[in-house]
Amino acid sequence: MADKKSTKEAKQSPSQSLDQQLAAKRAELLVAQQGLGSTLQNPHRIKAIKKEIARILTQINAPKGDN
């Protein structure tokens, strides 16, 4: 459920620029990747964060490709 909620928040927060959202997601990914020892805490959450980062990067780079 948290995955869906954070995705909706990223889409609905116009107060943050895409660069700010990207920085926040990258920080979140870093925290998620730092597991206890050599085991990952939640590999599904890491995958979801990576997809969210890709979506944000797509939105950032979309105007550049419209030439």
Protein backbone atom coordinates (compact mmCIF):
# COMPACT_ATOMS: atom_id res chain seq x y z
CA MET A 1 0.00 0.00 0.00
CA ALA A 2 2.83 2.38 0.76
CA ASP A 3 4.08 2.00 -2.82
CA LYS A 4 0.80 3.21 -4.29
CA LYS A 5 0.54 6.06 -1.81
CA SER A 6 4.03 7.40 -2.50
CA THR A 7 3.48 7.16 -6.26
CA LYS A 8 0.27 9.15 -5.97
CA GLU A 9 2.01 11.72 -3.78
CA ALA A 10 4.76 12.16 -6.36
CA LYS A 11 2.19 12.74 -9.10
CA GLN A 12 0.00 15.05 -7.02
CA SER A 13 2.64 17.30 -5.47
CA PRO A 14 2.91 20.25 -7.84
CA SER A 15 4.60 22.28 -5.10
CA GLN A 16 7.80 20.31 -5.65
CA SER A 17 9.70 20.63 -8.88
CA LEU A 18 10.70 17.50 -10.75
CA ASP A 19 14.31 18.03 -9.70
CA GLN A 20 13.29 18.11 -6.03
CA GLN A 21 11.18 14.97 -6.47
CA LEU A 22 14.09 13.24 -8.18
CA ALA A 23 16.48 14.14 -5.37
CA ALA A 24 14.01 12.90 -2.76
CA LYS A 25 13.49 9.57 -4.58
CA ARG A 26 17.23 9.05 -4.99
CA ALA A 27 17.71 9.66 -1.27
CA GLU A 28 14.88 7.24 -0.53
CA LEU A 29 16.52 4.64 -2.78
CA LEU A 30 19.82 5.04 -0.97
CA VAL A 31 18.15 4.47 2.39
CA ALA A 32 16.24 1.46 1.06
CA GLN A 33 19.42 -0.10 -0.31
CA GLN A 34 21.19 0.17 3.04
CA GLY A 35 19.99 -3.04 4.61
CA LEU A 36 21.05 -4.79 7.75
CA GLY A 37 24.32 -6.40 6.81
CA SER A 38 24.25 -8.00 3.40
CA THR A 39 20.49 -8.58 3.14
CA LEU A 40 18.06 -6.18 1.52
CA GLN A 41 15.15 -4.97 3.59
CA ASN A 42 12.53 -4.99 0.86
CA PRO A 43 13.64 -5.71 -2.70
CA HIS A 44 10.14 -5.00 -4.05
CA ARG A 45 10.22 -1.49 -2.59
CA ILE A 46 13.62 -0.86 -4.17
CA LYS A 47 12.24 -1.90 -7.55
CA ALA A 48 9.25 0.42 -7.11
CA ILE A 49 11.49 3.36 -6.19
CA LYS A 50 13.64 2.75 -9.28
CA LYS A 51 10.52 2.80 -11.45
CA GLU A 52 9.40 6.07 -9.86
CA ILE A 53 12.82 7.58 -10.55
CA ALA A 54 12.57 6.45 -14.18
CA ARG A 55 9.13 8.09 -14.50
CA ILE A 56 10.44 11.36 -13.10
CA LEU A 57 13.45 11.28 -15.44
CA THR A 58 11.10 10.63 -18.37
CA GLN A 59 9.07 13.70 -17.43
CA ILE A 60 12.23 15.79 -17.14
CA ASN A 61 13.67 14.62 -20.46
CA ALA A 62 10.41 14.63 -22.46
CA PRO A 63 10.54 18.33 -23.47
CA LYS A 64 14.14 17.92 -24.64
CA GLY A 65 13.15 15.27 -27.20
CA ASP A 66 10.40 17.35 -28.84
CA ASN A 67 12.80 19.16 -31.20
